[in-house]
Amino acid sequence: LLDEPTVHLDVSNKTMIMQLLVNLAKNHQKSILLSSHDLNMMSQIA
């Protein structure tokens, strides 16, 4: 569970964290629930 996990991160680190979460879900079968205000990014990865 993550509450606004990228709120303090710059674009590069934000992308890195999101790629990490996608990898954990798809390749390691973790279930991930996060809150965000970034509809554009979330519509691409969620």
All heavy atoms as atom14 arrays in JSON, in Angstrom:
{
  "sequence": "LLDEPTVHLDVSNKTMIMQLLVNLAKNHQKSILLSSHDLNMMSQIA",
  "atom14_mask": [
    [1, 1, 1, 1, 1, 1, 1, 1, 0, 0, 0, 0, 0, 0],
    [1, 1, 1, 1, 1, 1, 1, 1, 0, 0, 0, 0, 0, 0],
    [1, 1, 1, 1, 1, 1, 1, 1, 0, 0, 0, 0, 0, 0],
    [1, 1, 1, 1, 1, 1, 1, 1, 1, 0, 0, 0, 0, 0],
    [1, 1, 1, 1, 1, 1, 1, 0, 0, 0, 0, 0, 0, 0],
    [1, 1, 1, 1, 1, 1, 1, 0, 0, 0, 0, 0, 0, 0],
    [1, 1, 1, 1, 1, 1, 1, 0, 0, 0, 0, 0, 0, 0],
    [1, 1, 1, 1, 1, 1, 1, 1, 1, 1, 0, 0, 0, 0],
    [1, 1, 1, 1, 1, 1, 1, 1, 0, 0, 0, 0, 0, 0],
    [1, 1, 1, 1, 1, 1, 1, 1, 0, 0, 0, 0, 0, 0],
    [1, 1, 1, 1, 1, 1, 1, 0, 0, 0, 0, 0, 0, 0],
    [1, 1, 1, 1, 1, 1, 0, 0, 0, 0, 0, 0, 0, 0],
    [1, 1, 1, 1, 1, 1, 1, 1, 0, 0, 0, 0, 0, 0],
    [1, 1, 1, 1, 1, 1, 1, 1, 1, 0, 0, 0, 0, 0],
    [1, 1, 1, 1, 1, 1, 1, 0, 0, 0, 0, 0, 0, 0],
    [1, 1, 1, 1, 1, 1, 1, 1, 0, 0, 0, 0, 0, 0],
    [1, 1, 1, 1, 1, 1, 1, 1, 0, 0, 0, 0, 0, 0],
    [1, 1, 1, 1, 1, 1, 1, 1, 0, 0, 0, 0, 0, 0],
    [1, 1, 1, 1, 1, 1, 1, 1, 1, 0, 0, 0, 0, 0],
    [1, 1, 1, 1, 1, 1, 1, 1, 0, 0, 0, 0, 0, 0],
    [1, 1, 1, 1, 1, 1, 1, 1, 0, 0, 0, 0, 0, 0],
    [1, 1, 1, 1, 1, 1, 1, 0, 0, 0, 0, 0, 0, 0],
    [1, 1, 1, 1, 1, 1, 1, 1, 0, 0, 0, 0, 0, 0],
    [1, 1, 1, 1, 1, 1, 1, 1, 0, 0, 0, 0, 0, 0],
    [1, 1, 1, 1, 1, 0, 0, 0, 0, 0, 0, 0, 0, 0],
    [1, 1, 1, 1, 1, 1, 1, 1, 1, 0, 0, 0, 0, 0],
    [1, 1, 1, 1, 1, 1, 1, 1, 0, 0, 0, 0, 0, 0],
    [1, 1, 1, 1, 1, 1, 1, 1, 1, 1, 0, 0, 0, 0],
    [1, 1, 1, 1, 1, 1, 1, 1, 1, 0, 0, 0, 0, 0],
    [1, 1, 1, 1, 1, 1, 1, 1, 1, 0, 0, 0, 0, 0],
    [1, 1, 1, 1, 1, 1, 0, 0, 0, 0, 0, 0, 0, 0],
    [1, 1, 1, 1, 1, 1, 1, 1, 0, 0, 0, 0, 0, 0],
    [1, 1, 1, 1, 1, 1, 1, 1, 0, 0, 0, 0, 0, 0],
    [1, 1, 1, 1, 1, 1, 1, 1, 0, 0, 0, 0, 0, 0],
    [1, 1, 1, 1, 1, 1, 0, 0, 0, 0, 0, 0, 0, 0],
    [1, 1, 1, 1, 1, 1, 0, 0, 0, 0, 0, 0, 0, 0],
    [1, 1, 1, 1, 1, 1, 1, 1, 1, 1, 0, 0, 0, 0],
    [1, 1, 1, 1, 1, 1, 1, 1, 0, 0, 0, 0, 0, 0],
    [1, 1, 1, 1, 1, 1, 1, 1, 0, 0, 0, 0, 0, 0],
    [1, 1, 1, 1, 1, 1, 1, 1, 0, 0, 0, 0, 0, 0],
    [1, 1, 1, 1, 1, 1, 1, 1, 0, 0, 0, 0, 0, 0],
    [1, 1, 1, 1, 1, 1, 1, 1, 0, 0, 0, 0, 0, 0],
    [1, 1, 1, 1, 1, 1, 0, 0, 0, 0, 0, 0, 0, 0],
    [1, 1, 1, 1, 1, 1, 1, 1, 1, 0, 0, 0, 0, 0],
    [1, 1, 1, 1, 1, 1, 1, 1, 0, 0, 0, 0, 0, 0],
    [1, 1, 1, 1, 1, 0, 0, 0, 0, 0, 0, 0, 0, 0]
  ],
  "atom14_positions": [
    [[0.85, -1.19, 0.0], [0.0, 0.0, 0.0], [0.88, 1.24, 0.0], [1.82, 1.33, 0.8], [-0.9, 0.02, 1.24], [-1.74, -1.24, 1.5], [-2.39, -1.15, 2.89], [-2.81, -1.4, 0.43], [0.0, 0.0, 0.0], [0.0, 0.0, 0.0], [0.0, 0.0, 0.0], [0.0, 0.0, 0.0], [0.0, 0.0, 0.0], [0.0, 0.0, 0.0]],
    [[0.57, 2.19, -0.87], [1.38, 3.4, -0.95], [0.46, 4.62, -1.08], [-0.44, 4.64, -1.93], [2.33, 3.37, -2.15], [3.26, 2.15, -2.25], [2.74, 1.19, -3.31], [4.69, 2.56, -2.59], [0.0, 0.0, 0.0], [0.0, 0.0, 0.0], [0.0, 0.0, 0.0], [0.0, 0.0, 0.0], [0.0, 0.0, 0.0], [0.0, 0.0, 0.0]],
    [[0.7, 5.62, -0.25], [-0.07, 6.86, -0.28], [0.78, 7.94, -0.93], [1.74, 8.43, -0.33], [-0.47, 7.25, 1.15], [-1.44, 8.43, 1.18], [-2.0, 8.76, 0.11], [-1.63, 9.02, 2.25], [0.0, 0.0, 0.0], [0.0, 0.0, 0.0], [0.0, 0.0, 0.0], [0.0, 0.0, 0.0], [0.0, 0.0, 0.0], [0.0, 0.0, 0.0]],
    [[0.43, 8.31, -2.15], [1.17, 9.33, -2.91], [2.68, 9.05, -2.9], [3.48, 9.87, -2.43], [0.89, 10.71, -2.33], [-0.53, 11.18, -2.49], [-0.84, 11.72, -3.87], [0.09, 11.81, -4.71], [-2.0, 12.04, -4.13], [0.0, 0.0, 0.0], [0.0, 0.0, 0.0], [0.0, 0.0, 0.0], [0.0, 0.0, 0.0], [0.0, 0.0, 0.0]],
    [[3.12, 7.9, -3.42], [4.53, 7.51, -3.27], [5.52, 8.37, -4.04], [6.7, 8.33, -3.74], [4.54, 6.07, -3.8], [3.4, 6.02, -4.76], [2.34, 6.9, -4.16], [0.0, 0.0, 0.0], [0.0, 0.0, 0.0], [0.0, 0.0, 0.0], [0.0, 0.0, 0.0], [0.0, 0.0, 0.0], [0.0, 0.0, 0.0], [0.0, 0.0, 0.0]],
    [[5.06, 9.14, -5.02], [6.02, 9.91, -5.82], [5.86, 11.41, -5.65], [6.39, 12.19, -6.42], [5.86, 9.57, -7.32], [4.52, 9.91, -7.74], [6.09, 8.09, -7.56], [0.0, 0.0, 0.0], [0.0, 0.0, 0.0], [0.0, 0.0, 0.0], [0.0, 0.0, 0.0], [0.0, 0.0, 0.0], [0.0, 0.0, 0.0], [0.0, 0.0, 0.0]],
    [[5.16, 11.83, -4.59], [4.82, 13.25, -4.45], [6.05, 14.14, -4.32], [6.03, 15.3, -4.76], [3.86, 13.45, -3.24], [4.56, 13.17, -1.93], [3.26, 14.84, -3.25], [0.0, 0.0, 0.0], [0.0, 0.0, 0.0], [0.0, 0.0, 0.0], [0.0, 0.0, 0.0], [0.0, 0.0, 0.0], [0.0, 0.0, 0.0], [0.0, 0.0, 0.0]],
    [[7.15, 13.64, -3.76], [8.36, 14.46, -3.57], [9.44, 14.18, -4.61], [10.54, 14.71, -4.5], [8.95, 14.22, -2.18], [8.05, 14.63, -1.05], [7.58, 15.91, -0.91], [7.54, 13.92, -0.02], [6.81, 15.98, 0.16], [6.77, 14.79, 0.72], [0.0, 0.0, 0.0], [0.0, 0.0, 0.0], [0.0, 0.0, 0.0], [0.0, 0.0, 0.0]],
    [[9.13, 13.36, -5.6], [10.16, 12.91, -6.53], [10.16, 13.73, -7.82], [9.11, 14.21, -8.28], [9.96, 11.44, -6.88], [9.96, 10.46, -5.71], [9.81, 9.04, -6.21], [11.23, 10.6, -4.87], [0.0, 0.0, 0.0], [0.0, 0.0, 0.0], [0.0, 0.0, 0.0], [0.0, 0.0, 0.0], [0.0, 0.0, 0.0], [0.0, 0.0, 0.0]],
    [[11.35, 13.88, -8.41], [11.43, 14.53, -9.72], [10.96, 13.54, -10.79], [10.65, 12.37, -10.5], [12.85, 15.02, -10.01], [13.89, 13.91, -9.97], [13.54, 12.74, -10.18], [15.07, 14.22, -9.73], [0.0, 0.0, 0.0], [0.0, 0.0, 0.0], [0.0, 0.0, 0.0], [0.0, 0.0, 0.0], [0.0, 0.0, 0.0], [0.0, 0.0, 0.0]],
    [[10.88, 14.0, -12.03], [10.3, 13.18, -13.1], [11.06, 11.87, -13.28], [10.47, 10.8, -13.43], [10.28, 13.97, -14.43], [9.85, 13.07, -15.58], [9.33, 15.16, -14.32], [0.0, 0.0, 0.0], [0.0, 0.0, 0.0], [0.0, 0.0, 0.0], [0.0, 0.0, 0.0], [0.0, 0.0, 0.0], [0.0, 0.0, 0.0], [0.0, 0.0, 0.0]],
    [[12.4, 11.94, -13.25], [13.21, 10.74, -13.45], [12.96, 9.7, -12.37], [12.74, 8.52, -12.65], [14.69, 11.12, -13.49], [15.5, 9.96, -13.61], [0.0, 0.0, 0.0], [0.0, 0.0, 0.0], [0.0, 0.0, 0.0], [0.0, 0.0, 0.0], [0.0, 0.0, 0.0], [0.0, 0.0, 0.0], [0.0, 0.0, 0.0], [0.0, 0.0, 0.0]],
    [[12.98, 10.13, -11.11], [12.76, 9.2, -10.0], [11.31, 8.72, -9.94], [11.03, 7.59, -9.56], [13.16, 9.85, -8.68], [14.66, 9.82, -8.46], [15.32, 8.81, -8.7], [15.22, 10.94, -8.03], [0.0, 0.0, 0.0], [0.0, 0.0, 0.0], [0.0, 0.0, 0.0], [0.0, 0.0, 0.0], [0.0, 0.0, 0.0], [0.0, 0.0, 0.0]],
    [[10.38, 9.6, -10.3], [8.98, 9.2, -10.35], [8.78, 8.06, -11.35], [8.13, 7.05, -11.05], [8.1, 10.39, -10.75], [6.62, 10.08, -10.82], [5.8, 11.28, -11.28], [5.84, 12.4, -10.27], [4.9, 13.5, -10.64], [0.0, 0.0, 0.0], [0.0, 0.0, 0.0], [0.0, 0.0, 0.0], [0.0, 0.0, 0.0], [0.0, 0.0, 0.0]],
    [[9.38, 8.21, -12.52], [9.28, 7.16, -13.54], [9.94, 5.88, -13.07], [9.41, 4.78, -13.26], [9.93, 7.64, -14.85], [9.3, 8.84, -15.29], [9.8, 6.58, -15.93], [0.0, 0.0, 0.0], [0.0, 0.0, 0.0], [0.0, 0.0, 0.0], [0.0, 0.0, 0.0], [0.0, 0.0, 0.0], [0.0, 0.0, 0.0], [0.0, 0.0, 0.0]],
    [[11.09, 6.0, -12.42], [11.8, 4.83, -11.92], [10.96, 4.06, -10.9], [10.86, 2.83, -10.95], [13.14, 5.25, -11.31], [14.0, 4.07, -10.82], [13.69, 3.63, -9.09], [14.54, 4.98, -8.27], [0.0, 0.0, 0.0], [0.0, 0.0, 0.0], [0.0, 0.0, 0.0], [0.0, 0.0, 0.0], [0.0, 0.0, 0.0], [0.0, 0.0, 0.0]],
    [[10.33, 4.78, -9.97], [9.51, 4.14, -8.95], [8.31, 3.46, -9.59], [7.95, 2.32, -9.23], [9.06, 5.15, -7.89], [10.25, 5.62, -7.04], [7.97, 4.56, -6.99], [10.95, 4.51, -6.27], [0.0, 0.0, 0.0], [0.0, 0.0, 0.0], [0.0, 0.0, 0.0], [0.0, 0.0, 0.0], [0.0, 0.0, 0.0], [0.0, 0.0, 0.0]],
    [[7.67, 4.11, -10.54], [6.51, 3.51, -11.2], [6.89, 2.26, -11.99], [6.18, 1.26, -12.0], [5.82, 4.53, -12.09], [5.08, 5.6, -11.32], [3.87, 4.88, -10.17], [3.46, 6.29, -9.16], [0.0, 0.0, 0.0], [0.0, 0.0, 0.0], [0.0, 0.0, 0.0], [0.0, 0.0, 0.0], [0.0, 0.0, 0.0], [0.0, 0.0, 0.0]],
    [[8.04, 2.31, -12.65], [8.51, 1.12, -13.37], [8.8, -0.01, -12.39], [8.53, -1.18, -12.69], [9.75, 1.48, -14.19], [9.45, 2.36, -15.4], [10.71, 2.8, -16.13], [11.8, 2.83, -15.56], [10.56, 3.16, -17.38], [0.0, 0.0, 0.0], [0.0, 0.0, 0.0], [0.0, 0.0, 0.0], [0.0, 0.0, 0.0], [0.0, 0.0, 0.0]],
    [[9.35, 0.34, -11.24], [9.61, -0.65, -10.2], [8.32, -1.3, -9.72], [8.24, -2.53, -9.58], [10.33, 0.0, -9.03], [10.56, -0.84, -7.78], [11.44, -2.03, -8.08], [11.17, 0.02, -6.66], [0.0, 0.0, 0.0], [0.0, 0.0, 0.0], [0.0, 0.0, 0.0], [0.0, 0.0, 0.0], [0.0, 0.0, 0.0], [0.0, 0.0, 0.0]],
    [[7.28, -0.5, -9.49], [6.01, -1.04, -9.02], [5.36, -1.93, -10.08], [4.79, -2.97, -9.75], [5.07, 0.11, -8.64], [5.51, 0.98, -7.46], [4.5, 2.1, -7.21], [5.7, 0.14, -6.2], [0.0, 0.0, 0.0], [0.0, 0.0, 0.0], [0.0, 0.0, 0.0], [0.0, 0.0, 0.0], [0.0, 0.0, 0.0], [0.0, 0.0, 0.0]],
    [[5.44, -1.51, -11.33], [4.9, -2.35, -12.41], [5.64, -3.69, -12.45], [5.02, -4.75, -12.6], [5.02, -1.63, -13.77], [4.69, -2.59, -14.92], [4.08, -0.43, -13.81], [0.0, 0.0, 0.0], [0.0, 0.0, 0.0], [0.0, 0.0, 0.0], [0.0, 0.0, 0.0], [0.0, 0.0, 0.0], [0.0, 0.0, 0.0], [0.0, 0.0, 0.0]],
    [[6.96, -3.65, -12.3], [7.75, -4.88, -12.3], [7.36, -5.78, -11.13], [7.23, -7.01, -11.3], [9.24, -4.53, -12.22], [10.11, -5.77, -12.16], [10.07, -6.63, -13.03], [10.91, -5.87, -11.1], [0.0, 0.0, 0.0], [0.0, 0.0, 0.0], [0.0, 0.0, 0.0], [0.0, 0.0, 0.0], [0.0, 0.0, 0.0], [0.0, 0.0, 0.0]],
    [[7.14, -5.2, -9.96], [6.74, -6.0, -8.8], [5.39, -6.68, -9.02], [5.18, -7.82, -8.63], [6.68, -5.12, -7.55], [8.02, -4.65, -6.97], [7.79, -3.6, -5.9], [8.79, -5.83, -6.39], [0.0, 0.0, 0.0], [0.0, 0.0, 0.0], [0.0, 0.0, 0.0], [0.0, 0.0, 0.0], [0.0, 0.0, 0.0], [0.0, 0.0, 0.0]],
    [[4.48, -5.96, -9.66], [3.15, -6.52, -9.91], [3.21, -7.61, -10.98], [2.66, -8.7, -10.79], [2.18, -5.42, -10.31], [0.0, 0.0, 0.0], [0.0, 0.0, 0.0], [0.0, 0.0, 0.0], [0.0, 0.0, 0.0], [0.0, 0.0, 0.0], [0.0, 0.0, 0.0], [0.0, 0.0, 0.0], [0.0, 0.0, 0.0], [0.0, 0.0, 0.0]],
    [[3.85, -7.31, -12.09], [3.79, -8.22, -13.25], [4.76, -9.4, -13.15], [4.43, -10.51, -13.53], [4.06, -7.44, -14.54], [3.06, -6.32, -14.77], [1.63, -6.8, -14.63], [0.65, -5.67, -14.53], [-0.68, -6.11, -14.1], [0.0, 0.0, 0.0], [0.0, 0.0, 0.0], [0.0, 0.0, 0.0], [0.0, 0.0, 0.0], [0.0, 0.0, 0.0]],
    [[5.96, -9.13, -12.67], [6.98, -10.18, -12.66], [7.14, -10.88, -11.32], [7.67, -11.98, -11.26], [8.33, -9.6, -13.1], [8.3, -9.07, -14.53], [7.59, -9.62, -15.36], [9.02, -8.01, -14.79], [0.0, 0.0, 0.0], [0.0, 0.0, 0.0], [0.0, 0.0, 0.0], [0.0, 0.0, 0.0], [0.0, 0.0, 0.0], [0.0, 0.0, 0.0]],
    [[6.67, -10.23, -10.23], [6.78, -10.84, -8.91], [5.42, -11.08, -8.26], [5.36, -11.52, -7.11], [7.66, -9.96, -8.0], [9.06, -9.81, -8.5], [10.06, -10.72, -8.24], [9.62, -8.86, -9.29], [11.18, -10.32, -8.82], [10.94, -9.2, -9.47], [0.0, 0.0, 0.0], [0.0, 0.0, 0.0], [0.0, 0.0, 0.0], [0.0, 0.0, 0.0]],
    [[4.35, -10.78, -9.01], [2.98, -11.07, -8.57], [2.61, -10.43, -7.24], [1.85, -10.99, -6.45], [2.75, -12.58, -8.53], [2.69, -13.23, -9.91], [1.5, -12.72, -10.72], [0.36, -13.06, -10.44], [1.77, -11.93, -11.74], [0.0, 0.0, 0.0], [0.0, 0.0, 0.0], [0.0, 0.0, 0.0], [0.0, 0.0, 0.0], [0.0, 0.0, 0.0]],
    [[3.17, -9.25, -6.96], [2.75, -8.48, -5.8], [1.45, -7.74, -6.15], [1.25, -7.32, -7.29], [3.82, -7.47, -5.37], [5.14, -8.1, -4.96], [4.99, -8.98, -3.74], [6.33, -9.55, -3.3], [6.19, -10.5, -2.17], [0.0, 0.0, 0.0], [0.0, 0.0, 0.0], [0.0, 0.0, 0.0], [0.0, 0.0, 0.0], [0.0, 0.0, 0.0]],
    [[0.6, -7.57, -5.17], [-0.62, -6.78, -5.35], [-0.35, -5.39, -4.8], [0.06, -5.25, -3.65], [-1.79, -7.43, -4.61], [-2.02, -8.73, -5.1], [0.0, 0.0, 0.0], [0.0, 0.0, 0.0], [0.0, 0.0, 0.0], [0.0, 0.0, 0.0], [0.0, 0.0, 0.0], [0.0, 0.0, 0.0], [0.0, 0.0, 0.0], [0.0, 0.0, 0.0]],
    [[-0.56, -4.38, -5.63], [-0.17, -3.02, -5.26], [-1.37, -2.09, -5.35], [-2.07, -2.05, -6.36], [0.96, -2.53, -6.18], [2.2, -3.43, -6.01], [1.31, -1.07, -5.89], [3.31, -3.14, -6.96], [0.0, 0.0, 0.0], [0.0, 0.0, 0.0], [0.0, 0.0, 0.0], [0.0, 0.0, 0.0], [0.0, 0.0, 0.0], [0.0, 0.0, 0.0]],
    [[-1.57, -1.35, -4.27], [-2.63, -0.34, -4.23], [-1.99, 0.98, -3.83], [-1.36, 1.09, -2.77], [-3.7, -0.73, -3.21], [-4.87, 0.25, -3.03], [-5.69, 0.34, -4.31], [-5.75, -0.2, -1.86], [0.0, 0.0, 0.0], [0.0, 0.0, 0.0], [0.0, 0.0, 0.0], [0.0, 0.0, 0.0], [0.0, 0.0, 0.0], [0.0, 0.0, 0.0]],
    [[-2.12, 2.0, -4.68], [-1.54, 3.29, -4.38], [-2.52, 4.41, -4.68], [-3.41, 4.26, -5.52], [-0.25, 3.53, -5.17], [-0.37, 3.73, -6.68], [0.73, 4.64, -7.19], [-0.28, 2.39, -7.42], [0.0, 0.0, 0.0], [0.0, 0.0, 0.0], [0.0, 0.0, 0.0], [0.0, 0.0, 0.0], [0.0, 0.0, 0.0], [0.0, 0.0, 0.0]],
    [[-2.38, 5.5, -3.95], [-3.17, 6.68, -4.24], [-2.31, 7.67, -5.01], [-1.08, 7.7, -4.85], [-3.68, 7.33, -2.95], [-2.61, 7.81, -2.17], [0.0, 0.0, 0.0], [0.0, 0.0, 0.0], [0.0, 0.0, 0.0], [0.0, 0.0, 0.0], [0.0, 0.0, 0.0], [0.0, 0.0, 0.0], [0.0, 0.0, 0.0], [0.0, 0.0, 0.0]],
    [[-2.95, 8.47, -5.86], [-2.21, 9.41, -6.68], [-3.17, 10.49, -7.19], [-4.39, 10.32, -7.17], [-1.55, 8.69, -7.86], [-0.9, 9.6, -8.72], [0.0, 0.0, 0.0], [0.0, 0.0, 0.0], [0.0, 0.0, 0.0], [0.0, 0.0, 0.0], [0.0, 0.0, 0.0], [0.0, 0.0, 0.0], [0.0, 0.0, 0.0], [0.0, 0.0, 0.0]],
    [[-2.58, 11.59, -7.65], [-3.34, 12.61, -8.35], [-2.99, 12.63, -9.83], [-3.54, 13.43, -10.59], [-3.05, 14.0, -7.76], [-3.67, 14.21, -6.41], [-2.98, 13.99, -5.23], [-4.9, 14.6, -6.07], [-3.77, 14.25, -4.22], [-4.94, 14.62, -4.68], [0.0, 0.0, 0.0], [0.0, 0.0, 0.0], [0.0, 0.0, 0.0], [0.0, 0.0, 0.0]],
    [[-2.06, 11.76, -10.24], [-1.54, 11.8, -11.61], [-2.34, 10.87, -12.5], [-1.96, 9.72, -12.75], [-0.06, 11.4, -11.6], [0.64, 11.71, -12.92], [-0.06, 11.83, -13.94], [1.87, 11.83, -12.92], [0.0, 0.0, 0.0], [0.0, 0.0, 0.0], [0.0, 0.0, 0.0], [0.0, 0.0, 0.0], [0.0, 0.0, 0.0], [0.0, 0.0, 0.0]],
    [[-3.47, 11.35, -13.0], [-4.34, 10.53, -13.86], [-3.62, 10.09, -15.11], [-3.77, 8.94, -15.55], [-5.6, 11.32, -14.23], [-6.54, 10.66, -15.25], [-7.06, 9.33, -14.73], [-7.69, 11.59, -15.61], [0.0, 0.0, 0.0], [0.0, 0.0, 0.0], [0.0, 0.0, 0.0], [0.0, 0.0, 0.0], [0.0, 0.0, 0.0], [0.0, 0.0, 0.0]],
    [[-2.81, 10.97, -15.7], [-2.14, 10.64, -16.94], [-1.22, 9.43, -16.77], [-1.28, 8.47, -17.54], [-1.34, 11.84, -17.44], [-0.67, 11.57, -18.78], [-1.29, 11.12, -19.73], [0.63, 11.84, -18.85], [0.0, 0.0, 0.0], [0.0, 0.0, 0.0], [0.0, 0.0, 0.0], [0.0, 0.0, 0.0], [0.0, 0.0, 0.0], [0.0, 0.0, 0.0]],
    [[-0.37, 9.46, -15.74], [0.55, 8.34, -15.52], [-0.21, 7.08, -15.09], [0.08, 5.98, -15.57], [1.6, 8.69, -14.47], [2.56, 7.55, -14.17], [3.94, 8.01, -13.11], [5.0, 8.85, -14.29], [0.0, 0.0, 0.0], [0.0, 0.0, 0.0], [0.0, 0.0, 0.0], [0.0, 0.0, 0.0], [0.0, 0.0, 0.0], [0.0, 0.0, 0.0]],
    [[-1.19, 7.24, -14.21], [-1.92, 6.07, -13.71], [-2.72, 5.38, -14.82], [-2.86, 4.17, -14.83], [-2.86, 6.48, -12.58], [-2.15, 6.91, -11.3], [-0.97, 5.68, -10.69], [0.59, 6.52, -11.0], [0.0, 0.0, 0.0], [0.0, 0.0, 0.0], [0.0, 0.0, 0.0], [0.0, 0.0, 0.0], [0.0, 0.0, 0.0], [0.0, 0.0, 0.0]],
    [[-3.22, 6.17, -15.77], [-3.98, 5.56, -16.87], [-3.07, 4.75, -17.78], [-3.54, 3.89, -18.52], [-4.7, 6.65, -17.67], [-3.78, 7.52, -18.3], [0.0, 0.0, 0.0], [0.0, 0.0, 0.0], [0.0, 0.0, 0.0], [0.0, 0.0, 0.0], [0.0, 0.0, 0.0], [0.0, 0.0, 0.0], [0.0, 0.0, 0.0], [0.0, 0.0, 0.0]],
    [[-1.76, 4.99, -17.7], [-0.81, 4.23, -18.5], [-0.36, 2.95, -17.82], [-0.08, 1.95, -18.49], [0.42, 5.09, -18.81], [0.14, 6.3, -19.68], [1.4, 7.1, -19.93], [2.38, 6.6, -20.49], [1.41, 8.34, -19.49], [0.0, 0.0, 0.0], [0.0, 0.0, 0.0], [0.0, 0.0, 0.0], [0.0, 0.0, 0.0], [0.0, 0.0, 0.0]],
    [[-0.28, 2.95, -16.47], [0.33, 1.79, -15.81], [-0.63, 0.95, -14.98], [-0.36, -0.22, -14.71], [1.5, 2.23, -14.91], [0.99, 2.98, -13.68], [2.52, 3.04, -15.67], [2.03, 3.15, -12.61], [0.0, 0.0, 0.0], [0.0, 0.0, 0.0], [0.0, 0.0, 0.0], [0.0, 0.0, 0.0], [0.0, 0.0, 0.0], [0.0, 0.0, 0.0]],
    [[-1.77, 1.53, -14.57], [-2.66, 0.81, -13.64], [-3.51, -0.22, -14.37], [-4.03, 0.04, -15.46], [-3.56, 1.8, -12.9], [0.0, 0.0, 0.0], [0.0, 0.0, 0.0], [0.0, 0.0, 0.0], [0.0, 0.0, 0.0], [0.0, 0.0, 0.0], [0.0, 0.0, 0.0], [0.0, 0.0, 0.0], [0.0, 0.0, 0.0], [0.0, 0.0, 0.0]]
  ]
}
